[in-house]
Amino acid sequence: MRIDRNTGLVLEGGGMRGVFTSGVLDAFMKHGLYFHYVVAVSAGACNGVSYMSRQIRRARIANIDMLGYFGYIGLKNLVTQGSIFDRQLLYDDFPNKLVPFDWDTYVNTGDEFEVVTTNCKTGRTEYLSEYKNPQRLNDIIMASSAIPYVTSMVDVDGTPMLDGGIVDSIPVLHSIERGHDFNVVISTRNLGFRLKEHDIKVPPVVYDDYPRLRVALSHRVEAYNDQLEMIERMERWGEIVVIRPERPMEVGRVERDLEKLERLYEEGFQLGERFCGNLEI
């Protein structure tokens, strides 16, 4: 397998399952493997931005070390900050003080990083980039990670945004549209996984001012399962390579068990190492 400038990297979200992605990306950085185009969703964006700034283990610190020290997931945050995650810690203290984001490296690599968000007014995806304003980049990533129902909307350029995974959880088709005929996808689901619940129509009392968002949320299960089917089909046809967990998934979207998170991170790192070992030089 050979990776060139036209190969895209697609990062799925999944909340705390994203520790798998951070492990894979740390292995990539260890081996000096950098893609020149990355499109990422939700937790994939949170992990991917540290990859774009070449900061190995930074995402792991955020996902595991800081969770153990600060315990930043909880209902208290929902009451005080409008999110089940501590936004003050994750999107202010962490990037600006605790483990500062290397903005200069991020900008100067010349690589492209797109983040998927859902426009709450239109119910459609937006694919956003930022290379001039660190705060806007931070806002875009926070919006992409804003899980519906348990996090409030994030204002980006005057538009309310939520989790990009509502509509496009695995944006491989967008990468192809951008000219990347071959893609590597990092998924946070095991092979063959499908959501078993059924879509239900979101009632008007929920997001009452955003009818198109309600429509998108009402088709969320079907859309996600269709995307999982699509990437498995593309994988069989040799159009993409998928790196995904091989062990049974034991980490939930808002997982707080550090041992489970550590095991999933290590699995991601090992699979990332295997991938790098199979590349042609």
C-alpha atoms as a PDB file:
ATOM      1  CA  MET A   1       0.000   0.000   0.000  1.00  0.00           C
ATOM      2  CA  ARG A   2       1.237   3.471  -0.882  1.00  0.00           C
ATOM      3  CA  ILE A   3       0.033   6.785   0.526  1.00  0.00           C
ATOM      4  CA  ASP A   4       0.491   9.884  -1.644  1.00  0.00           C
ATOM      5  CA  ARG A   5      -0.644  13.511  -1.612  1.00  0.00           C
ATOM      6  CA  ASN A   6      -3.989  12.560  -3.106  1.00  0.00           C
ATOM      7  CA  THR A   7      -4.896  10.064  -0.378  1.00  0.00           C
ATOM      8  CA  GLY A   8      -7.544  11.330   2.022  1.00  0.00           C
ATOM      9  CA  LEU A   9      -7.861  10.525   5.717  1.00  0.00           C
ATOM     10  CA  VAL A  10     -11.403  10.304   7.115  1.00  0.00           C
ATOM     11  CA  LEU A  11     -11.972  10.349  10.888  1.00  0.00           C
ATOM     12  CA  GLU A  12     -15.281   9.153  12.329  1.00  0.00           C
ATOM     13  CA  GLY A  13     -16.581  10.500  15.647  1.00  0.00           C
ATOM     14  CA  GLY A  14     -18.117   8.493  18.479  1.00  0.00           C
ATOM     15  CA  GLY A  15     -17.564  10.394  21.706  1.00  0.00           C
ATOM     16  CA  MET A  16     -15.145   8.600  24.004  1.00  0.00           C
ATOM     17  CA  ARG A  17     -14.741   5.800  21.443  1.00  0.00           C
ATOM     18  CA  GLY A  18     -12.495   8.379  19.812  1.00  0.00           C
ATOM     19  CA  VAL A  19      -9.628   7.232  22.051  1.00  0.00           C
ATOM     20  CA  PHE A  20      -9.209   4.510  19.415  1.00  0.00           C
ATOM     21  CA  THR A  21      -8.593   7.186  16.795  1.00  0.00           C
ATOM     22  CA  SER A  22      -6.124   9.004  19.023  1.00  0.00           C
ATOM     23  CA  GLY A  23      -4.146   5.767  19.367  1.00  0.00           C
ATOM     24  CA  VAL A  24      -4.034   5.233  15.601  1.00  0.00           C
ATOM     25  CA  LEU A  25      -2.980   8.821  14.968  1.00  0.00           C
ATOM     26  CA  ASP A  26      -0.241   8.660  17.609  1.00  0.00           C
ATOM     27  CA  ALA A  27       1.175   5.636  15.794  1.00  0.00           C
ATOM     28  CA  PHE A  28       1.026   7.551  12.515  1.00  0.00           C
ATOM     29  CA  MET A  29       2.944  10.436  14.083  1.00  0.00           C
ATOM     30  CA  LYS A  30       5.492   8.083  15.601  1.00  0.00           C
ATOM     31  CA  HIS A  31       6.250   6.810  12.095  1.00  0.00           C
ATOM     32  CA  GLY A  32       6.087  10.237  10.461  1.00  0.00           C
ATOM     33  CA  LEU A  33       2.967   9.400   8.444  1.00  0.00           C
ATOM     34  CA  TYR A  34       1.010  12.553   7.663  1.00  0.00           C
ATOM     35  CA  PHE A  35      -1.875  12.865   5.236  1.00  0.00           C
ATOM     36  CA  HIS A  36      -2.201  16.130   3.361  1.00  0.00           C
ATOM     37  CA  TYR A  37      -5.996  16.109   3.505  1.00  0.00           C
ATOM     38  CA  VAL A  38      -8.029  15.173   6.580  1.00  0.00           C
ATOM     39  CA  VAL A  39     -11.786  15.438   7.070  1.00  0.00           C
ATOM     40  CA  ALA A  40     -13.060  14.750  10.575  1.00  0.00           C
ATOM     41  CA  VAL A  41     -16.284  14.587  12.548  1.00  0.00           C
ATOM     42  CA  SER A  42     -16.973  15.239  16.232  1.00  0.00           C
ATOM     43  CA  ALA A  43     -14.480  13.292  18.378  1.00  0.00           C
ATOM     44  CA  GLY A  44     -12.543  12.653  15.179  1.00  0.00           C
ATOM     45  CA  ALA A  45     -12.058  16.401  14.858  1.00  0.00           C
ATOM     46  CA  CYS A  46     -10.965  16.713  18.492  1.00  0.00           C
ATOM     47  CA  ASN A  47      -8.327  14.042  17.942  1.00  0.00           C
ATOM     48  CA  GLY A  48      -7.473  15.068  14.402  1.00  0.00           C
ATOM     49  CA  VAL A  49      -6.534  18.633  15.263  1.00  0.00           C
ATOM     50  CA  SER A  50      -3.632  17.420  17.431  1.00  0.00           C
ATOM     51  CA  TYR A  51      -2.524  15.233  14.517  1.00  0.00           C
ATOM     52  CA  MET A  52      -2.595  18.262  12.228  1.00  0.00           C
ATOM     53  CA  SER A  53      -0.430  20.209  14.700  1.00  0.00           C
ATOM     54  CA  ARG A  54       2.002  17.260  14.988  1.00  0.00           C
ATOM     55  CA  GLN A  55       1.500  16.947  18.776  1.00  0.00           C
ATOM     56  CA  ILE A  56       1.873  13.266  19.570  1.00  0.00           C
ATOM     57  CA  ARG A  57      -0.032  11.988  22.644  1.00  0.00           C
ATOM     58  CA  ARG A  58      -1.784  15.338  23.103  1.00  0.00           C
ATOM     59  CA  ALA A  59      -5.180  13.831  22.272  1.00  0.00           C
ATOM     60  CA  ARG A  60      -4.493  10.933  24.619  1.00  0.00           C
ATOM     61  CA  ILE A  61      -3.830  13.383  27.439  1.00  0.00           C
ATOM     62  CA  ALA A  62      -7.189  15.034  26.778  1.00  0.00           C
ATOM     63  CA  ASN A  63      -9.123  11.783  26.430  1.00  0.00           C
ATOM     64  CA  ILE A  64      -7.673   9.743  29.288  1.00  0.00           C
ATOM     65  CA  ASP A  65      -5.265  11.605  31.561  1.00  0.00           C
ATOM     66  CA  MET A  66      -7.427  14.688  31.994  1.00  0.00           C
ATOM     67  CA  LEU A  67     -10.578  12.614  32.392  1.00  0.00           C
ATOM     68  CA  GLY A  68      -8.927  10.760  35.248  1.00  0.00           C
ATOM     69  CA  TYR A  69      -7.713  13.950  36.897  1.00  0.00           C
ATOM     70  CA  PHE A  70     -10.656  16.294  36.315  1.00  0.00           C
ATOM     71  CA  GLY A  71     -13.583  13.923  35.695  1.00  0.00           C
ATOM     72  CA  TYR A  72     -14.944  16.242  33.032  1.00  0.00           C
ATOM     73  CA  ILE A  73     -18.067  14.214  32.108  1.00  0.00           C
ATOM     74  CA  GLY A  74     -21.182  14.691  34.235  1.00  0.00           C
ATOM     75  CA  LEU A  75     -24.678  16.096  34.576  1.00  0.00           C
ATOM     76  CA  LYS A  76     -23.371  19.033  36.610  1.00  0.00           C
ATOM     77  CA  ASN A  77     -21.735  20.355  33.437  1.00  0.00           C
ATOM     78  CA  LEU A  78     -25.053  20.081  31.623  1.00  0.00           C
ATOM     79  CA  VAL A  79     -26.616  22.403  34.191  1.00  0.00           C
ATOM     80  CA  THR A  80     -23.755  24.886  34.449  1.00  0.00           C
ATOM     81  CA  GLN A  81     -22.394  24.897  30.886  1.00  0.00           C
ATOM     82  CA  GLY A  82     -25.091  23.406  28.702  1.00  0.00           C
ATOM     83  CA  SER A  83     -23.035  20.313  27.925  1.00  0.00           C
ATOM     84  CA  ILE A  84     -22.435  16.969  29.577  1.00  0.00           C
ATOM     85  CA  PHE A  85     -18.733  17.639  28.914  1.00  0.00           C
ATOM     86  CA  ASP A  86     -16.828  20.412  30.710  1.00  0.00           C
ATOM     87  CA  ARG A  87     -16.465  22.849  27.816  1.00  0.00           C
ATOM     88  CA  GLN A  88     -14.479  25.361  29.826  1.00  0.00           C
ATOM     89  CA  LEU A  89     -11.832  22.752  30.522  1.00  0.00           C
ATOM     90  CA  LEU A  90     -11.782  21.080  27.108  1.00  0.00           C
ATOM     91  CA  TYR A  91     -12.098  24.076  24.812  1.00  0.00           C
ATOM     92  CA  ASP A  92     -10.382  26.831  26.807  1.00  0.00           C
ATOM     93  CA  ASP A  93      -8.102  25.608  29.585  1.00  0.00           C
ATOM     94  CA  PHE A  94      -6.752  22.629  27.640  1.00  0.00           C
ATOM     95  CA  PRO A  95      -5.870  24.269  24.290  1.00  0.00           C
ATOM     96  CA  ASN A  96      -4.763  27.587  25.785  1.00  0.00           C
ATOM     97  CA  LYS A  97      -3.121  26.681  29.090  1.00  0.00           C
ATOM     98  CA  LEU A  98      -2.732  23.005  30.014  1.00  0.00           C
ATOM     99  CA  VAL A  99      -1.396  21.546  26.755  1.00  0.00           C
ATOM    100  CA  PRO A 100      -1.320  24.536  24.388  1.00  0.00           C
ATOM    101  CA  PHE A 101      -2.266  23.910  20.786  1.00  0.00           C
ATOM    102  CA  ASP A 102       0.642  24.480  18.371  1.00  0.00           C
ATOM    103  CA  TRP A 103      -1.123  26.899  16.056  1.00  0.00           C
ATOM    104  CA  ASP A 104       2.023  27.827  14.110  1.00  0.00           C
ATOM    105  CA  THR A 105       2.748  24.233  13.150  1.00  0.00           C
ATOM    106  CA  TYR A 106      -0.900  23.650  12.286  1.00  0.00           C
ATOM    107  CA  VAL A 107      -0.918  26.599   9.886  1.00  0.00           C
ATOM    108  CA  ASN A 108       2.535  26.120   8.387  1.00  0.00           C
ATOM    109  CA  THR A 109       2.266  22.464   7.334  1.00  0.00           C
ATOM    110  CA  GLY A 110       0.215  23.492   4.332  1.00  0.00           C
ATOM    111  CA  ASP A 111      -2.089  20.504   4.874  1.00  0.00           C
ATOM    112  CA  GLU A 112      -5.884  20.750   4.735  1.00  0.00           C
ATOM    113  CA  PHE A 113      -8.168  19.979   7.676  1.00  0.00           C
ATOM    114  CA  GLU A 114     -11.943  20.048   7.243  1.00  0.00           C
ATOM    115  CA  VAL A 115     -14.381  19.653  10.120  1.00  0.00           C
ATOM    116  CA  VAL A 116     -17.975  18.477   9.657  1.00  0.00           C
ATOM    117  CA  THR A 117     -20.767  20.312  11.457  1.00  0.00           C
ATOM    118  CA  THR A 118     -24.556  20.274  11.171  1.00  0.00           C
ATOM    119  CA  ASN A 119     -26.241  23.585  10.437  1.00  0.00           C
ATOM    120  CA  CYS A 120     -29.261  23.626  12.751  1.00  0.00           C
ATOM    121  CA  LYS A 121     -31.211  25.993  10.506  1.00  0.00           C
ATOM    122  CA  THR A 122     -30.874  23.945   7.316  1.00  0.00           C
ATOM    123  CA  GLY A 123     -30.425  20.469   8.812  1.00  0.00           C
ATOM    124  CA  ARG A 124     -27.511  19.963   6.438  1.00  0.00           C
ATOM    125  CA  THR A 125     -23.800  19.415   6.860  1.00  0.00           C
ATOM    126  CA  GLU A 126     -21.161  22.070   6.506  1.00  0.00           C
ATOM    127  CA  TYR A 127     -17.488  21.330   5.945  1.00  0.00           C
ATOM    128  CA  LEU A 128     -15.440  24.063   7.582  1.00  0.00           C
ATOM    129  CA  SER A 129     -11.766  24.963   7.732  1.00  0.00           C
ATOM    130  CA  GLU A 130      -9.848  27.708   9.522  1.00  0.00           C
ATOM    131  CA  TYR A 131      -6.225  28.873   9.258  1.00  0.00           C
ATOM    132  CA  LYS A 132      -6.343  32.496  10.439  1.00  0.00           C
ATOM    133  CA  ASN A 133      -8.301  32.573  13.694  1.00  0.00           C
ATOM    134  CA  PRO A 134      -7.525  30.007  16.451  1.00  0.00           C
ATOM    135  CA  GLN A 135     -10.759  30.795  18.310  1.00  0.00           C
ATOM    136  CA  ARG A 136     -12.886  30.142  15.232  1.00  0.00           C
ATOM    137  CA  LEU A 137     -11.149  26.784  14.720  1.00  0.00           C
ATOM    138  CA  ASN A 138     -11.858  25.963  18.357  1.00  0.00           C
ATOM    139  CA  ASP A 139     -15.519  26.923  17.924  1.00  0.00           C
ATOM    140  CA  ILE A 140     -15.844  24.768  14.801  1.00  0.00           C
ATOM    141  CA  ILE A 141     -14.440  21.731  16.595  1.00  0.00           C
ATOM    142  CA  MET A 142     -16.667  22.350  19.604  1.00  0.00           C
ATOM    143  CA  ALA A 143     -19.683  22.595  17.294  1.00  0.00           C
ATOM    144  CA  SER A 144     -18.771  19.381  15.507  1.00  0.00           C
ATOM    145  CA  SER A 145     -18.628  17.642  18.899  1.00  0.00           C
ATOM    146  CA  ALA A 146     -21.880  19.088  20.266  1.00  0.00           C
ATOM    147  CA  ILE A 147     -23.966  15.951  20.825  1.00  0.00           C
ATOM    148  CA  PRO A 148     -27.675  16.663  20.339  1.00  0.00           C
ATOM    149  CA  TYR A 149     -29.931  16.641  23.409  1.00  0.00           C
ATOM    150  CA  VAL A 150     -27.024  16.696  25.916  1.00  0.00           C
ATOM    151  CA  THR A 151     -25.084  19.714  24.611  1.00  0.00           C
ATOM    152  CA  SER A 152     -26.225  23.148  23.562  1.00  0.00           C
ATOM    153  CA  MET A 153     -25.711  24.528  20.076  1.00  0.00           C
ATOM    154  CA  VAL A 154     -22.507  26.362  19.230  1.00  0.00           C
ATOM    155  CA  ASP A 155     -22.526  29.630  17.316  1.00  0.00           C
ATOM    156  CA  VAL A 156     -20.179  29.635  14.318  1.00  0.00           C
ATOM    157  CA  ASP A 157     -20.268  32.743  12.133  1.00  0.00           C
ATOM    158  CA  GLY A 158     -23.694  33.602  13.518  1.00  0.00           C
ATOM    159  CA  THR A 159     -25.142  30.165  12.730  1.00  0.00           C
ATOM    160  CA  PRO A 160     -26.164  27.604  15.389  1.00  0.00           C
ATOM    161  CA  MET A 161     -24.304  24.325  14.849  1.00  0.00           C
ATOM    162  CA  LEU A 162     -24.364  20.807  16.303  1.00  0.00           C
ATOM    163  CA  ASP A 163     -22.594  17.473  15.875  1.00  0.00           C
ATOM    164  CA  GLY A 164     -21.549  16.824  12.282  1.00  0.00           C
ATOM    165  CA  GLY A 165     -22.364  13.157  12.758  1.00  0.00           C
ATOM    166  CA  ILE A 166     -26.090  13.869  12.746  1.00  0.00           C
ATOM    167  CA  VAL A 167     -25.985  13.803   8.949  1.00  0.00           C
ATOM    168  CA  ASP A 168     -22.481  12.731   7.854  1.00  0.00           C
ATOM    169  CA  SER A 169     -20.696  10.524  10.373  1.00  0.00           C
ATOM    170  CA  ILE A 170     -18.181   9.072   7.903  1.00  0.00           C
ATOM    171  CA  PRO A 171     -17.535  11.753   5.259  1.00  0.00           C
ATOM    172  CA  VAL A 172     -15.694   9.599   2.741  1.00  0.00           C
ATOM    173  CA  LEU A 173     -17.917  10.732  -0.134  1.00  0.00           C
ATOM    174  CA  HIS A 174     -17.037  14.346   0.634  1.00  0.00           C
ATOM    175  CA  SER A 175     -13.349  13.462   0.495  1.00  0.00           C
ATOM    176  CA  ILE A 176     -13.870  11.836  -2.892  1.00  0.00           C
ATOM    177  CA  GLU A 177     -15.743  14.909  -4.113  1.00  0.00           C
ATOM    178  CA  ARG A 178     -12.729  16.971  -3.045  1.00  0.00           C
ATOM    179  CA  GLY A 179     -10.570  14.912  -5.422  1.00  0.00           C
ATOM    180  CA  HIS A 180      -9.253  12.152  -3.159  1.00  0.00           C
ATOM    181  CA  ASP A 181     -10.104   8.966  -5.020  1.00  0.00           C
ATOM    182  CA  PHE A 182      -8.498   6.734  -2.403  1.00  0.00           C
ATOM    183  CA  ASN A 183      -9.083   7.155   1.322  1.00  0.00           C
ATOM    184  CA  VAL A 184      -8.081   5.697   4.654  1.00  0.00           C
ATOM    185  CA  VAL A 185     -10.992   5.667   7.095  1.00  0.00           C
ATOM    186  CA  ILE A 186     -10.546   5.393  10.845  1.00  0.00           C
ATOM    187  CA  SER A 187     -13.829   4.038  12.187  1.00  0.00           C
ATOM    188  CA  THR A 188     -14.760   3.625  15.839  1.00  0.00           C
ATOM    189  CA  ARG A 189     -17.133   0.715  15.254  1.00  0.00           C
ATOM    190  CA  ASN A 190     -16.390  -2.987  14.855  1.00  0.00           C
ATOM    191  CA  LEU A 191     -16.869  -4.635  11.467  1.00  0.00           C
ATOM    192  CA  GLY A 192     -20.532  -5.509  10.910  1.00  0.00           C
ATOM    193  CA  PHE A 193     -21.901  -3.159  13.576  1.00  0.00           C
ATOM    194  CA  ARG A 194     -25.321  -1.625  12.938  1.00  0.00           C
ATOM    195  CA  LEU A 195     -27.521   0.481  15.189  1.00  0.00           C
ATOM    196  CA  LYS A 196     -30.446  -1.688  16.243  1.00  0.00           C
ATOM    197  CA  GLU A 197     -32.832   1.006  17.427  1.00  0.00           C
ATOM    198  CA  HIS A 198     -35.367   2.497  15.046  1.00  0.00           C
ATOM    199  CA  ASP A 199     -35.700   6.080  13.949  1.00  0.00           C
ATOM    200  CA  ILE A 200     -38.526   8.012  15.573  1.00  0.00           C
ATOM    201  CA  LYS A 201     -39.990  11.327  14.549  1.00  0.00           C
ATOM    202  CA  VAL A 202     -38.618  14.066  16.779  1.00  0.00           C
ATOM    203  CA  PRO A 203     -41.601  15.948  18.262  1.00  0.00           C
ATOM    204  CA  PRO A 204     -42.001  19.697  17.688  1.00  0.00           C
ATOM    205  CA  VAL A 205     -41.410  20.439  21.385  1.00  0.00           C
ATOM    206  CA  VAL A 206     -37.777  19.393  20.844  1.00  0.00           C
ATOM    207  CA  TYR A 207     -35.729  21.968  18.931  1.00  0.00           C
ATOM    208  CA  ASP A 208     -39.011  23.732  18.205  1.00  0.00           C
ATOM    209  CA  ASP A 209     -37.312  26.565  16.307  1.00  0.00           C
ATOM    210  CA  TYR A 210     -35.362  24.189  14.052  1.00  0.00           C
ATOM    211  CA  PRO A 211     -37.750  21.995  12.029  1.00  0.00           C
ATOM    212  CA  ARG A 212     -35.092  20.922   9.510  1.00  0.00           C
ATOM    213  CA  LEU A 213     -32.820  19.797  12.308  1.00  0.00           C
ATOM    214  CA  ARG A 214     -35.661  17.666  13.649  1.00  0.00           C
ATOM    215  CA  VAL A 215     -36.024  16.040  10.234  1.00  0.00           C
ATOM    216  CA  ALA A 216     -32.309  15.199  10.160  1.00  0.00           C
ATOM    217  CA  LEU A 217     -32.455  13.746  13.669  1.00  0.00           C
ATOM    218  CA  SER A 218     -35.508  11.707  12.722  1.00  0.00           C
ATOM    219  CA  HIS A 219     -33.466   9.871  10.053  1.00  0.00           C
ATOM    220  CA  ARG A 220     -30.268   9.533  12.066  1.00  0.00           C
ATOM    221  CA  VAL A 221     -30.254   5.727  12.519  1.00  0.00           C
ATOM    222  CA  GLU A 222     -31.019   4.977   8.881  1.00  0.00           C
ATOM    223  CA  ALA A 223     -28.391   7.440   7.647  1.00  0.00           C
ATOM    224  CA  TYR A 224     -25.675   6.033   9.898  1.00  0.00           C
ATOM    225  CA  ASN A 225     -26.391   2.392   9.085  1.00  0.00           C
ATOM    226  CA  ASP A 226     -26.370   3.251   5.376  1.00  0.00           C
ATOM    227  CA  GLN A 227     -22.927   4.814   5.784  1.00  0.00           C
ATOM    228  CA  LEU A 228     -21.604   1.752   7.622  1.00  0.00           C
ATOM    229  CA  GLU A 229     -22.888  -0.439   4.796  1.00  0.00           C
ATOM    230  CA  MET A 230     -21.290   1.890   2.255  1.00  0.00           C
ATOM    231  CA  ILE A 231     -17.802   1.823   3.766  1.00  0.00           C
ATOM    232  CA  GLU A 232     -17.880  -1.953   4.109  1.00  0.00           C
ATOM    233  CA  ARG A 233     -18.855  -2.231   0.442  1.00  0.00           C
ATOM    234  CA  MET A 234     -16.135   0.228  -0.621  1.00  0.00           C
ATOM    235  CA  GLU A 235     -13.654  -1.686   1.502  1.00  0.00           C
ATOM    236  CA  ARG A 236     -14.561  -4.972  -0.228  1.00  0.00           C
ATOM    237  CA  TRP A 237     -14.118  -3.309  -3.604  1.00  0.00           C
ATOM    238  CA  GLY A 238     -10.678  -1.976  -2.647  1.00  0.00           C
ATOM    239  CA  GLU A 239     -11.693   1.683  -2.870  1.00  0.00           C
ATOM    240  CA  ILE A 240     -10.813   2.470   0.739  1.00  0.00           C
ATOM    241  CA  VAL A 241      -8.888   1.004   3.650  1.00  0.00           C
ATOM    242  CA  VAL A 242     -10.633   0.966   7.016  1.00  0.00           C
ATOM    243  CA  ILE A 243      -8.839   0.858  10.357  1.00  0.00           C
ATOM    244  CA  ARG A 244     -11.368  -0.175  13.001  1.00  0.00           C
ATOM    245  CA  PRO A 245     -11.409  -1.878  16.423  1.00  0.00           C
ATOM    246  CA  GLU A 246     -11.030  -5.648  16.234  1.00  0.00           C
ATOM    247  CA  ARG A 247     -11.819  -6.431  19.865  1.00  0.00           C
ATOM    248  CA  PRO A 248     -15.473  -6.291  20.990  1.00  0.00           C
ATOM    249  CA  MET A 249     -16.341  -2.666  21.736  1.00  0.00           C
ATOM    250  CA  GLU A 250     -16.700  -2.004  25.468  1.00  0.00           C
ATOM    251  CA  VAL A 251     -16.437   1.787  25.436  1.00  0.00           C
ATOM    252  CA  GLY A 252     -19.595   3.902  25.355  1.00  0.00           C
ATOM    253  CA  ARG A 253     -20.025   7.367  23.949  1.00  0.00           C
ATOM    254  CA  VAL A 254     -19.656   9.015  27.372  1.00  0.00           C
ATOM    255  CA  GLU A 255     -17.431   6.329  28.907  1.00  0.00           C
ATOM    256  CA  ARG A 256     -15.656   7.162  32.174  1.00  0.00           C
ATOM    257  CA  ASP A 257     -13.927   3.832  32.876  1.00  0.00           C
ATOM    258  CA  LEU A 258     -10.234   4.652  32.451  1.00  0.00           C
ATOM    259  CA  GLU A 259      -9.147   1.023  32.078  1.00  0.00           C
ATOM    260  CA  LYS A 260     -11.544   0.486  29.178  1.00  0.00           C
ATOM    261  CA  LEU A 261     -10.377   3.704  27.556  1.00  0.00           C
ATOM    262  CA  GLU A 262      -6.727   2.751  27.974  1.00  0.00           C
ATOM    263  CA  ARG A 263      -7.307  -0.647  26.343  1.00  0.00           C
ATOM    264  CA  LEU A 264      -9.066   0.931  23.380  1.00  0.00           C
ATOM    265  CA  TYR A 265      -6.306   3.522  22.960  1.00  0.00           C
ATOM    266  CA  GLU A 266      -3.652   0.789  22.999  1.00  0.00           C
ATOM    267  CA  GLU A 267      -5.587  -1.226  20.439  1.00  0.00           C
ATOM    268  CA  GLY A 268      -5.718   1.810  18.178  1.00  0.00           C
ATOM    269  CA  PHE A 269      -2.001   2.404  18.599  1.00  0.00           C
ATOM    270  CA  GLN A 270      -1.157  -1.211  17.766  1.00  0.00           C
ATOM    271  CA  LEU A 271      -3.354  -1.210  14.671  1.00  0.00           C
ATOM    272  CA  GLY A 272      -1.808   2.099  13.597  1.00  0.00           C
ATOM    273  CA  GLU A 273       1.632   0.539  13.956  1.00  0.00           C
ATOM    274  CA  ARG A 274       0.535  -2.446  11.884  1.00  0.00           C
ATOM    275  CA  PHE A 275      -0.802  -0.136   9.190  1.00  0.00           C
ATOM    276  CA  CYS A 276       2.455   1.821   9.022  1.00  0.00           C
ATOM    277  CA  GLY A 277       4.433  -1.417   8.847  1.00  0.00           C
ATOM    278  CA  ASN A 278       2.507  -2.461   5.724  1.00  0.00           C
ATOM    279  CA  LEU A 279       3.157   0.753   3.806  1.00  0.00           C
ATOM    280  CA  GLU A 280       5.453   0.892   0.796  1.00  0.00           C
ATOM    281  CA  ILE A 281       8.415   3.197   1.223  1.00  0.00           C
END
